[in-house]
Protein backbone atom coordinates (compact mmCIF):
# COMPACT_ATOMS: atom_id res chain seq x y z
CA MET A 1 170.46 73.78 81.76
CA MET A 2 170.18 75.34 85.16
CA PRO A 3 173.60 77.04 85.14
CA ALA A 4 172.43 78.97 82.07
CA GLY A 5 169.52 80.33 84.11
CA ILE A 6 171.83 81.42 86.94
CA LYS A 7 174.19 83.24 84.60
CA LEU A 8 171.39 85.47 83.43
CA GLY A 9 171.43 87.36 86.67
CA GLY A 10 168.27 88.94 87.93
CA LEU A 11 166.81 90.19 84.65
CA ALA A 12 165.68 86.87 83.17
CA GLY A 13 164.23 85.79 86.51
CA ARG A 14 162.38 89.06 86.83
CA LEU A 15 161.01 88.80 83.27
CA VAL A 16 159.74 85.30 84.09
CA GLU A 17 158.24 86.53 87.40
CA ASP A 18 156.42 89.38 85.66
CA GLY A 19 155.00 86.96 83.11
CA LEU A 20 156.83 88.61 80.17
CA LEU A 21 158.82 85.46 79.39
CA ALA A 22 158.23 81.74 79.94
CA GLU A 23 160.95 80.04 81.98
CA GLY A 24 161.83 77.52 79.25
CA ILE A 25 162.10 80.26 76.64
CA ALA A 26 164.26 82.40 78.98
CA ILE A 27 166.75 79.54 79.46
CA LYS A 28 166.79 78.70 75.74
CA CYS A 29 167.25 82.38 74.76
CA SER A 30 170.12 82.75 77.22
CA ASP A 31 171.93 79.79 75.67
CA GLU A 32 171.35 81.01 72.11
CA ALA A 33 172.46 84.57 72.94
CA ARG A 34 175.66 83.23 74.46
CA LYS A 35 176.35 81.04 71.39
CA LYS A 36 175.83 84.00 69.04
CA ASN A 37 177.87 86.29 71.34
CA ILE A 38 175.11 88.91 71.65
CA SER A 39 173.34 90.28 74.71
CA PHE A 40 170.33 88.49 76.15
CA VAL A 41 168.15 91.61 75.76
CA LYS A 42 169.08 92.06 72.09
CA TYR A 43 168.33 88.39 71.38
CA ILE A 44 164.85 88.28 72.97
CA VAL A 45 163.81 91.55 71.30
CA ASP A 46 165.18 90.62 67.84
CA GLU A 47 163.47 87.22 68.00
CA GLY A 48 160.16 88.78 69.06
CA HIS A 49 159.94 87.03 72.46
CA ALA A 50 159.35 90.27 74.38
CA GLU A 51 158.56 93.95 73.72
CA SER A 52 161.52 96.29 73.89
CA ALA A 53 159.77 98.94 76.03
CA LYS A 54 158.59 96.43 78.67
CA VAL A 55 162.02 94.76 78.93
CA ALA A 56 163.63 98.19 79.42
CA GLN A 57 161.16 99.08 82.23
CA VAL A 58 161.80 95.80 84.05
CA ALA A 59 165.59 96.14 83.64
CA SER A 60 165.53 99.74 84.93
CA PHE A 61 163.57 98.73 88.02
CA GLU A 62 165.65 95.62 88.68
CA PHE A 63 169.09 97.25 88.36
CA GLY A 64 168.29 100.77 89.47
CA VAL A 65 169.58 102.30 86.20
CA PRO A 66 167.74 105.38 84.84
CA LEU A 67 165.59 104.76 81.76
CA PHE A 68 165.97 107.31 78.98
CA ASP A 69 163.81 107.86 75.90
CA LEU A 70 166.20 108.04 72.93
CA SER A 71 163.63 109.63 70.64
CA ALA A 72 164.02 112.85 72.72
CA MET A 73 167.72 113.06 71.85
CA ASP A 74 169.27 114.86 68.90
CA LEU A 75 171.58 112.07 67.69
CA GLU A 76 173.80 114.44 65.71
CA GLN A 77 174.99 115.81 69.06
CA CYS A 78 176.19 112.42 70.32
CA PRO A 79 179.98 112.37 70.87
CA VAL A 80 180.33 109.35 68.57
CA SER A 81 183.81 110.38 67.42
CA LEU A 82 185.21 109.63 70.93
CA VAL A 83 184.85 105.89 70.32
CA LYS A 84 185.68 103.86 67.19
CA GLU A 85 182.71 102.64 65.14
CA LYS A 86 183.98 99.08 65.47
CA LEU A 87 183.64 99.23 69.29
CA ILE A 88 180.16 100.80 69.14
CA ARG A 89 178.89 98.00 66.89
CA GLN A 90 180.75 95.26 68.77
CA HIS A 91 179.36 96.20 72.19
CA HIS A 92 176.02 97.55 70.95
CA ALA A 93 176.41 100.70 73.02
CA LEU A 94 176.33 104.39 72.08
CA PRO A 95 178.11 107.39 73.69
CA LEU A 96 175.22 109.74 74.44
CA PHE A 97 176.56 112.74 76.29
CA LYS A 98 179.81 114.03 77.77
CA ARG A 99 179.66 116.19 80.85
CA GLY A 100 183.00 117.20 82.38
CA LYS A 101 184.97 114.01 82.96
CA ARG A 102 181.97 111.67 82.70
CA LEU A 103 180.70 109.93 79.58
CA PHE A 104 177.10 108.69 79.60
CA VAL A 105 176.71 105.55 77.50
CA ALA A 106 173.37 104.24 76.19
CA VAL A 107 172.96 100.45 76.72
CA SER A 108 169.93 98.17 76.39
CA ASP A 109 171.39 95.54 78.73
CA PRO A 110 172.42 96.84 82.18
CA THR A 111 174.74 93.84 82.67
CA ASN A 112 176.85 94.98 79.68
CA VAL A 113 179.77 96.04 81.90
CA GLN A 114 182.35 95.14 79.25
CA ALA A 115 181.15 97.96 76.98
CA LEU A 116 181.55 100.54 79.75
CA ASP A 117 185.04 99.26 80.62
CA GLU A 118 186.21 99.28 76.99
CA PHE A 119 184.79 102.76 76.36
CA LYS A 120 186.54 103.99 79.51
CA PHE A 121 189.84 102.37 78.44
CA HIS A 122 189.75 103.92 74.94
CA THR A 123 188.60 107.41 75.95
CA GLY A 124 190.20 107.75 79.38
CA ILE A 125 186.85 109.12 80.63
CA THR A 126 184.74 107.62 83.45
CA THR A 127 181.62 106.00 81.98
CA ASP A 128 178.07 105.82 83.38
CA PRO A 129 175.31 103.59 81.95
CA VAL A 130 172.00 104.99 80.72
CA LEU A 131 169.33 102.40 79.99
CA VAL A 132 167.43 102.70 76.68
CA GLU A 133 165.04 100.51 74.68
CA GLU A 134 166.75 97.90 72.50
CA ASP A 135 164.96 98.69 69.21
CA LYS A 136 165.53 102.44 69.63
CA LEU A 137 169.22 101.82 70.43
CA THR A 138 169.77 99.77 67.24
CA LYS A 139 168.28 102.57 65.12
CA ALA A 140 170.11 105.31 67.06
CA ILE A 141 173.48 103.61 66.48
CA GLU A 142 172.85 103.48 62.72
CA ASP A 143 171.52 107.04 62.54
CA SER A 144 174.27 108.64 64.60
CA LEU A 145 177.02 106.84 62.71
CA THR A 146 175.49 107.89 59.38
CA ALA A 147 175.25 111.48 60.62
CA GLN A 148 178.91 111.35 61.59
CA ASP A 149 179.90 109.93 58.19
CA THR A 150 178.40 112.74 56.19
CA ALA A 151 179.28 115.54 58.60
CA SER A 152 182.91 115.66 57.70
CA MET A 153 184.89 114.05 54.92
CA GLY A 154 188.18 114.89 56.59
CA ASP A 155 188.02 112.55 59.56
CA LEU A 156 185.40 110.34 58.02
CA LEU A 157 185.67 106.82 59.10
CA ASP A 158 187.37 104.00 60.84
CA GLU A 159 190.63 102.84 59.18
CA ASP A 160 189.17 99.38 58.73
CA TYR A 161 187.28 100.61 55.69
CA GLU A 162 190.51 101.19 53.81
CA ASN A 163 191.46 97.57 53.47
CA ILE A 164 188.25 95.88 52.32
CA ASP A 165 189.01 93.20 49.78
CA ILE A 166 187.68 94.61 46.50
CA SER A 167 188.26 93.47 42.93
CA ALA A 168 186.69 94.17 39.56
CA GLY A 169 185.16 90.72 39.40
CA GLU A 170 188.06 89.52 37.20
CA GLU A 171 191.26 87.62 37.81
CA GLU A 172 193.36 90.65 38.78
CA GLU A 173 193.05 92.05 42.26
CA GLN A 174 192.77 95.77 42.89
CA GLU A 175 195.35 97.36 45.11
CA GLU A 176 194.39 101.00 44.70
CA SER A 177 192.96 101.30 48.19
CA LYS A 178 196.35 100.44 49.68
CA ASP A 179 198.43 102.54 47.30
CA ALA A 180 196.07 105.51 47.17
CA ASP A 181 197.44 108.98 47.65
CA ILE A 182 197.15 110.07 51.25
CA ASP A 183 194.79 112.90 50.26
CA ASP A 184 192.36 110.41 48.74
CA THR A 185 192.21 108.10 51.73
CA PRO A 186 188.99 109.69 53.06
CA VAL A 187 187.38 109.23 49.61
CA VAL A 188 188.38 105.54 49.58
CA ARG A 189 186.90 105.06 53.04
CA PHE A 190 183.75 106.99 52.15
CA VAL A 191 183.00 104.89 49.05
CA ASN A 192 183.65 101.61 50.89
CA LYS A 193 181.43 102.74 53.73
CA VAL A 194 178.58 103.65 51.36
CA LEU A 195 178.80 100.19 49.74
CA LEU A 196 178.73 98.44 53.13
CA ASP A 197 175.87 100.60 54.40
CA ALA A 198 173.84 99.76 51.30
CA ILE A 199 174.36 96.05 51.92
CA ASN A 200 173.47 96.36 55.62
CA LYS A 201 170.28 98.31 54.86
CA GLY A 202 169.17 95.82 52.22
CA ALA A 203 169.29 98.38 49.37
CA SER A 204 169.02 97.17 45.76
CA ASP A 205 170.68 100.16 44.03
CA ILE A 206 173.08 103.00 44.90
CA HIS A 207 172.94 106.30 42.98
CA PHE A 208 175.85 108.81 42.92
CA GLU A 209 174.43 111.96 41.32
CA PRO A 210 176.32 115.19 40.57
CA PHE A 211 174.47 118.51 40.30
CA GLU A 212 175.62 122.12 40.00
CA LYS A 213 175.72 122.87 43.74
CA LYS A 214 175.18 119.44 45.25
CA PHE A 215 176.44 115.90 45.10
CA ARG A 216 173.84 113.39 46.21
CA VAL A 217 174.02 109.73 47.25
CA ARG A 218 170.74 107.77 47.27
CA PHE A 219 169.78 104.17 48.12
CA ARG A 220 166.83 102.33 46.61
CA GLN A 221 165.23 100.49 49.54
CA ASP A 222 162.10 98.42 48.96
CA GLY A 223 161.75 99.98 45.51
CA VAL A 224 161.81 103.63 46.68
CA LEU A 225 164.80 106.02 46.56
CA HIS A 226 166.02 107.73 49.78
CA GLU A 227 168.85 110.26 50.12
CA VAL A 228 171.52 108.98 52.53
CA ALA A 229 174.44 111.37 52.09
CA SER A 230 175.46 114.62 50.51
CA PRO A 231 179.28 114.92 50.40
CA PRO A 232 180.86 118.21 49.27
CA VAL A 233 180.38 118.84 45.55
CA THR A 234 184.14 119.52 45.22
CA LEU A 235 184.77 115.83 45.90
CA ALA A 236 182.35 114.59 43.22
CA ASN A 237 185.07 113.89 40.61
CA ARG A 238 187.28 112.08 43.11
CA ILE A 239 184.43 109.87 44.34
CA THR A 240 183.43 109.09 40.74
CA ALA A 241 187.06 108.32 39.82
CA ARG A 242 187.38 105.98 42.80
CA ILE A 243 184.31 103.97 41.78
CA LYS A 244 185.55 103.80 38.18
CA VAL A 245 188.94 102.51 39.34
CA MET A 246 187.25 99.83 41.48
CA SER A 247 185.10 98.65 38.57
CA ARG A 248 187.86 98.78 35.93
CA LEU A 249 186.32 101.55 33.84
CA ASP A 250 188.29 104.04 31.77
CA ILE A 251 188.86 107.05 34.05
CA ALA A 252 189.84 109.31 31.16
CA GLU A 253 186.63 108.59 29.21
CA ARG A 254 183.84 110.85 30.46
CA ARG A 255 181.76 111.31 27.30
CA VAL A 256 180.15 107.89 26.84
CA PRO A 257 178.34 105.47 29.20
CA GLN A 258 180.41 102.58 30.58
CA ASP A 259 179.63 99.27 32.27
CA GLY A 260 181.69 97.50 34.89
CA ARG A 261 181.58 95.24 37.91
CA ILE A 262 182.86 95.28 41.50
CA LYS A 263 183.28 92.26 43.75
CA MET A 264 183.40 92.91 47.50
CA ASN A 265 184.49 90.12 49.82
CA ILE A 266 182.69 90.80 53.09
CA THR A 267 183.69 87.60 54.86
CA LYS A 268 185.62 84.51 53.74
CA LYS A 269 182.37 82.82 52.74
CA ARG A 270 180.26 85.76 51.57
CA SER A 271 180.91 88.14 48.72
CA ILE A 272 178.63 90.70 47.11
CA ASP A 273 178.81 91.78 43.47
CA PHE A 274 177.90 95.23 42.19
CA ARG A 275 176.96 95.96 38.59
CA VAL A 276 178.24 99.47 37.76
CA ASN A 277 177.06 101.87 35.07
CA SER A 278 178.35 105.38 34.46
CA CYS A 279 176.45 107.90 32.36
CA PRO A 280 177.61 111.45 31.47
CA THR A 281 175.34 114.31 32.62
CA ILE A 282 175.80 118.08 32.24
CA TRP A 283 177.36 118.31 35.75
CA GLY A 284 179.56 115.22 35.59
CA GLU A 285 179.12 111.46 35.52
CA LYS A 286 176.20 109.83 37.28
CA ILE A 287 177.04 106.36 38.58
CA VAL A 288 174.48 103.71 39.51
CA LEU A 289 175.44 100.46 41.23
CA ARG A 290 173.06 97.48 41.27
CA ILE A 291 173.69 95.15 44.25
CA LEU A 292 173.68 91.51 43.20
CA ASP A 293 173.25 89.22 46.21
CA SER A 294 173.25 85.48 45.44
CA SER A 295 171.44 84.65 48.70
CA SER A 296 168.18 86.15 47.31
CA ALA A 297 167.76 83.14 44.99
CA MET A 298 167.81 80.77 47.94
CA LEU A 299 164.61 82.19 49.38
CA GLY A 300 162.33 79.32 48.37
CA ILE A 301 159.18 79.70 46.29
CA GLU A 302 156.88 79.92 49.36
CA LYS A 303 158.49 83.24 50.43
CA LEU A 304 158.08 85.08 47.12
CA GLY A 305 154.36 85.88 47.57
CA TYR A 306 152.67 83.41 45.15
CA ASP A 307 149.24 82.27 46.34
CA ASP A 308 148.55 78.52 46.35
CA VAL A 309 146.96 78.36 42.88
CA GLN A 310 149.71 80.50 41.28
CA ARG A 311 152.43 78.47 42.93
CA GLU A 312 150.84 75.24 41.71
CA ARG A 313 150.73 76.57 38.10
CA TYR A 314 154.38 77.62 38.23
CA GLU A 315 155.53 74.29 39.69
CA LYS A 316 153.48 72.38 37.10
CA ALA A 317 155.15 74.33 34.24
CA LEU A 318 158.58 73.72 35.80
CA ALA A 319 157.88 69.99 35.98
CA SER A 320 157.16 69.90 32.21
CA PRO A 321 160.05 68.45 30.13
CA TYR A 322 159.67 71.09 27.38
CA GLY A 323 157.99 74.42 26.66
CA MET A 324 158.74 78.07 27.44
CA ILE A 325 158.18 79.94 30.70
CA LEU A 326 158.29 83.73 30.34
CA VAL A 327 158.58 86.16 33.27
CA THR A 328 157.68 89.78 32.47
CA GLY A 329 157.70 93.10 34.25
CA PRO A 330 159.65 96.37 34.47
CA THR A 331 163.27 96.68 35.65
CA GLY A 332 163.67 95.83 39.34
CA SER A 333 160.41 93.86 39.63
CA GLY A 334 162.14 90.67 40.79
CA LYS A 335 162.07 88.73 37.47
CA THR A 336 165.56 87.30 37.94
CA VAL A 337 164.79 86.09 41.48
CA SER A 338 161.61 84.38 40.25
CA LEU A 339 163.53 82.60 37.48
CA TYR A 340 166.38 81.58 39.72
CA THR A 341 164.00 80.27 42.36
CA GLY A 342 162.57 78.03 39.62
CA LEU A 343 166.08 76.99 38.49
CA ASN A 344 166.96 76.20 42.11
CA ILE A 345 164.04 73.73 42.21
CA LEU A 346 165.21 72.15 38.91
CA ASN A 347 168.91 72.11 39.86
CA THR A 348 169.49 68.37 40.38
CA ASP A 349 172.38 66.11 39.35
CA ASP A 350 170.43 64.51 36.50
CA ARG A 351 169.77 67.78 34.63
CA ASN A 352 172.04 69.90 32.47
CA ILE A 353 171.15 73.57 33.00
CA SER A 354 172.74 76.44 31.04
CA THR A 355 172.03 80.18 31.35
CA VAL A 356 173.12 83.23 29.34
CA GLU A 357 172.72 86.66 30.92
CA ASP A 358 173.86 90.27 30.59
CA PRO A 359 175.47 90.04 33.16
CA VAL A 360 175.10 86.98 35.43
CA GLU A 361 173.44 88.43 38.54
CA ILE A 362 173.17 85.42 40.82
CA ASN A 363 175.80 82.69 41.08
CA LEU A 364 174.36 79.20 41.55
CA PRO A 365 176.59 76.12 41.90
CA GLY A 366 175.60 73.31 39.52
CA ILE A 367 174.41 75.67 36.75
CA ASN A 368 176.51 76.59 33.69
CA GLN A 369 176.31 80.38 33.57
CA VAL A 370 177.55 82.49 30.65
CA ASN A 371 178.06 86.26 30.48
CA THR A 372 177.30 87.94 27.16
CA ASN A 373 180.28 89.70 25.56
CA PRO A 374 179.17 91.76 22.53
CA LYS A 375 182.77 92.90 21.80
CA ALA A 376 183.77 89.28 21.30
CA GLY A 377 180.60 88.50 19.32
CA LEU A 378 178.99 86.53 22.16
CA ASP A 379 175.38 87.72 22.29
CA PHE A 380 172.21 85.95 23.45
CA ALA A 381 171.60 84.36 20.04
CA SER A 382 175.12 82.93 19.57
CA ALA A 383 175.24 81.65 23.18
CA LEU A 384 171.86 79.95 22.67
CA ARG A 385 173.10 78.26 19.48
CA ALA A 386 176.11 76.95 21.39
CA PHE A 387 173.89 75.67 24.22
CA LEU A 388 171.80 73.59 21.82
CA ARG A 389 174.95 71.67 20.86
CA GLN A 390 175.76 71.03 24.53
CA ASP A 391 173.03 68.47 25.25
CA PRO A 392 170.93 70.80 27.46
CA ASP A 393 167.80 69.90 29.44
CA ILE A 394 166.99 73.42 30.62
CA VAL A 395 168.07 76.72 29.09
CA MET A 396 167.67 80.17 30.65
CA VAL A 397 167.99 83.31 28.50
CA GLY A 398 168.42 86.56 30.45
CA GLU A 399 166.19 88.57 28.14
CA ILE A 400 164.54 88.14 24.72
CA ARG A 401 165.39 91.41 22.95
CA ASP A 402 165.22 90.60 19.27
CA LEU A 403 163.69 88.25 16.72
CA GLU A 404 166.82 86.11 16.35
CA THR A 405 166.98 85.30 20.09
CA ALA A 406 163.19 84.72 20.21
CA GLU A 407 163.31 82.31 17.26
CA ILE A 408 166.14 80.19 18.65
CA ALA A 409 164.52 80.10 22.12
CA ILE A 410 161.19 79.00 20.64
CA LYS A 411 162.93 76.39 18.47
CA ALA A 412 164.57 75.01 21.62
CA ALA A 413 161.20 74.92 23.45
CA LEU A 414 159.65 73.04 20.51
CA THR A 415 162.45 70.45 20.33
CA GLY A 416 162.18 69.01 23.80
CA HIS A 417 163.91 71.62 26.01
CA LEU A 418 162.55 73.66 28.87
CA VAL A 419 163.33 77.35 28.18
CA LEU A 420 163.04 80.12 30.78
CA SER A 421 163.36 83.78 29.88
CA THR A 422 162.28 87.37 30.63
CA LEU A 423 160.60 90.02 28.55
CA HIS A 424 159.80 93.67 29.24
CA THR A 425 155.99 94.01 29.00
CA ASN A 426 153.27 95.35 31.30
CA ASP A 427 151.22 92.17 31.82
CA ALA A 428 150.90 88.55 30.66
CA PRO A 429 148.53 89.00 27.65
CA GLN A 430 150.70 91.80 26.22
CA THR A 431 153.69 89.42 26.20
CA LEU A 432 152.09 87.33 23.49
CA THR A 433 151.35 90.32 21.26
CA ARG A 434 154.90 91.63 21.87
CA LEU A 435 156.35 88.34 20.55
CA ALA A 436 154.05 88.61 17.52
CA ASN A 437 155.22 92.22 16.93
CA MET A 438 158.84 91.01 17.01
CA GLY A 439 157.98 88.80 14.04
CA VAL A 440 157.53 85.40 15.72
CA PRO A 441 154.83 83.40 13.82
CA ALA A 442 151.57 83.00 15.78
CA PHE A 443 151.56 79.17 15.52
CA ASN A 444 155.07 79.04 17.06
CA ILE A 445 153.97 81.24 20.00
CA ALA A 446 150.86 79.12 20.63
CA SER A 447 152.84 75.86 20.48
CA ALA A 448 155.97 76.87 22.41
CA VAL A 449 154.87 79.14 25.27
CA SER A 450 153.45 77.17 28.22
CA LEU A 451 153.30 79.79 31.02
CA ILE A 452 153.62 83.55 31.41
CA ILE A 453 154.22 85.23 34.77
CA ALA A 454 153.77 88.99 35.00
CA GLN A 455 154.99 90.49 38.26
CA ARG A 456 155.51 93.60 40.36
CA LEU A 457 157.02 94.18 43.78
CA ALA A 458 155.00 96.02 46.43
CA ARG A 459 156.27 97.15 49.82
CA ARG A 460 155.12 95.17 52.86
CA LEU A 461 153.47 97.02 55.73
CA CYS A 462 155.60 97.12 58.86
CA PRO A 463 154.03 94.64 61.34
CA HIS A 464 155.05 96.84 64.29
CA CYS A 465 153.20 100.03 63.34
CA LYS A 466 150.54 99.27 60.71
CA LYS A 467 147.08 100.46 61.74
CA GLN A 468 143.58 99.76 60.58
CA VAL A 469 142.05 102.34 58.22
CA ASP A 470 138.44 103.07 57.33
CA ILE A 471 137.68 103.60 53.66
CA PRO A 472 134.14 104.36 52.41
CA LYS A 473 132.27 101.51 50.74
CA GLU A 474 131.88 103.43 47.46
CA ALA A 475 135.62 104.02 47.25
CA LEU A 476 136.34 100.31 47.82
CA LEU A 477 133.93 99.29 45.04
CA GLU A 478 135.60 101.83 42.76
CA GLU A 479 139.05 100.34 43.55
CA GLY A 480 137.88 96.93 42.38
CA PHE A 481 136.66 95.10 45.50
CA LYS A 482 133.52 92.98 45.09
CA GLU A 483 130.28 93.76 46.93
CA ASP A 484 130.38 90.58 49.05
CA GLU A 485 134.00 91.24 50.17
CA ILE A 486 133.40 94.66 51.69
CA TYR A 487 131.40 93.89 54.83
CA ASP A 488 134.06 92.14 56.90
CA LEU A 489 137.02 93.78 55.16
CA GLN A 490 139.89 95.00 57.35
CA LEU A 491 142.33 97.28 55.59
CA TYR A 492 145.60 98.56 57.02
CA GLY A 493 147.64 101.68 56.31
CA ALA A 494 151.26 102.76 56.80
CA VAL A 495 152.24 104.74 59.91
CA GLY A 496 156.04 104.69 60.31
CA CYS A 497 158.18 103.77 63.30
CA ASP A 498 161.85 103.35 64.15
CA GLN A 499 161.89 99.83 62.75
CA CYS A 500 160.80 100.63 59.19
CA VAL A 501 161.00 103.13 56.32
CA GLU A 502 157.81 105.26 56.04
CA GLY A 503 155.66 102.44 57.45
CA TYR A 504 156.99 99.72 55.14
CA LYS A 505 159.54 96.98 55.66
CA GLY A 506 160.51 94.45 52.97
CA ARG A 507 158.64 93.62 49.75
CA VAL A 508 156.15 91.07 48.49
CA GLY A 509 155.58 89.86 44.93
CA ILE A 510 152.30 90.43 43.08
CA TYR A 511 151.78 87.99 40.24
CA GLN A 512 149.64 87.17 37.25
CA VAL A 513 150.35 83.53 36.41
CA MET A 514 148.76 82.66 33.05
CA PRO A 515 149.08 79.18 31.55
CA ILE A 516 148.48 79.07 27.78
CA SER A 517 145.26 77.08 27.48
CA GLU A 518 143.81 75.74 24.25
CA ALA A 519 141.35 78.64 24.07
CA ILE A 520 144.13 81.25 24.52
CA GLY A 521 146.26 79.37 21.96
CA ARG A 522 143.37 79.56 19.48
CA ILE A 523 143.04 83.37 19.99
CA ILE A 524 146.79 83.74 19.29
CA MET A 525 146.53 81.64 16.12
CA GLU A 526 143.68 83.80 14.93
CA GLY A 527 145.75 86.93 15.45
CA GLY A 528 143.82 88.14 18.54
CA ASN A 529 145.00 91.16 20.52
CA ALA A 530 146.00 91.48 24.20
CA LEU A 531 142.49 92.55 25.25
CA GLU A 532 140.92 89.37 23.82
CA ILE A 533 143.57 87.23 25.48
CA GLY A 534 143.01 89.09 28.78
CA ASP A 535 139.23 88.54 28.60
CA GLN A 536 139.76 84.80 27.98
CA ALA A 537 142.20 84.59 30.90
CA ALA A 538 139.63 86.26 33.18
CA LYS A 539 137.00 83.70 32.05
CA GLU A 540 139.43 80.93 33.05
CA GLY A 541 139.70 82.41 36.54
CA ILE A 542 143.24 83.82 36.17
CA ALA A 543 143.68 86.78 38.49
CA ASP A 544 145.33 89.81 36.85
CA LEU A 545 147.93 91.94 38.64
CA ARG A 546 145.29 94.26 40.07
CA MET A 547 143.24 91.40 41.58
CA SER A 548 146.37 89.74 43.00
CA GLY A 549 147.33 93.08 44.56
CA LEU A 550 143.88 93.55 46.12
CA ASN A 551 144.15 90.03 47.59
CA LYS A 552 147.40 91.12 49.31
CA VAL A 553 145.55 94.18 50.67
CA LYS A 554 142.74 91.94 52.00
CA GLN A 555 145.32 89.79 53.78
CA GLY A 556 146.76 92.89 55.51
CA ILE A 557 150.19 92.36 53.88
CA THR A 558 150.27 95.73 52.13
CA SER A 559 148.20 98.92 51.83
CA LEU A 560 145.77 100.04 49.14
CA GLU A 561 147.97 103.11 48.42
CA GLU A 562 150.95 100.85 47.69
CA ILE A 563 148.96 98.58 45.36
CA ASN A 564 147.67 101.68 43.53
CA ARG A 565 151.27 102.82 43.16
CA VAL A 566 152.43 99.59 41.51
CA THR A 567 149.32 98.39 39.60
CA LYS A 568 147.12 101.40 38.78
CA GLU A 569 146.76 101.91 35.06
């Protein structure tokens, strides 16, 4: 292990000397950084072993390289175009400033000589290092490249974006990107770049929106939309046409909504699917892409945000050989991920699992997944009928939309199958009345449904910048906190830093997990409404969405403002 310590040069030793890093950790981090082919500084900051600012100060002192605060720099002025994007990302270095025949390059690791040499080779300009903080450098690279992308469509992007392997999710491969007219090459690159950026930023949706004097591109990150680009409005039709070609939609048809799919192969092992929908507006077609990433289902139930009691109820219902589990909530509230996390637990060799969805969002090996095809007469109801002849153990229906689907699903749950499905309602008690309104007999609902999960997604507070906030006692009581909780209550609010979006980073689930007890079953049989069911659930100690949200606030996971945004009635 000792050679690893020697290779680190003076920085690791100095960090150990200054008490910023333990010797064992420094040696281990050096080995890991070398295996992953990233710099030592980037590794220790990303893994949370040391603070970026302190590492930068030590490195500056040790190597005699000036330390520069990147937040004082206008990133749009960086001469990014001098060096290819591929090189900037590969070496994790950013051209900052060109003065005469010298190029100043921002680096977080002063030993990163290779970056300086490569930049010098490609530009023919002498390079000088400028030391910056690692976390600020990562953000600056993203921001400056994004600024460059939207500044000019003419010399947009690196050629590598032309040849991304893209298909329409069917057997035929698309070759348009290679055969595209030379004039459209920038458009091809722009669209590919937007798709990749969305994946890298962890966005869930991409919106392409035409207006009279503006064409806007927005990403939905952590449930909130943010504008990321505004290409010239004259290119709106060409960008729209490109997306429609990629997703196999009819380019000539602009009067009716259309649905399609794009498959993007990022690496040999990883591909991302996009669900595409076009809708005509007065200024052209608006296109929305939903990003479908199969890795989200592999999270594990402990990471979704269930508390111990809720998790126990869900796992108990999953362990049951029959019955119906319903997950409810608005679009984009994480229903599919919750269901697939459950299916992942159940996915063993001794079970036959079939799902029908519109469309299949997450691909799981070992599960028989069916896409609905209304044109061919394959809807939820007909697929369900087919499943029941295929000796199933577990059936998953993407959504219960009509009486026919509801009846077959309930029949399956009553005849010894475990059925999982989703429904669009506000909370768990309303789900039962919604099924009754569809026309499902009350005795069938009471007998078949075993568990209902209502859920929302709230943004997590950024751990780097969240700060404690003081809220008056009266206001807390009004929000729903109990008298005995207030005295030692520590609440946190969003601030915002260079590592998050408006003080939030990632999302956490808020759940109401309601098993159907005998008492609730009796209320349903008697034709009780959602309020009566809700009151009974409260008596049984089942936390509603609001209470679950306030628990997350108490734990410092999210802010009161965010919980009010997603659960306030």
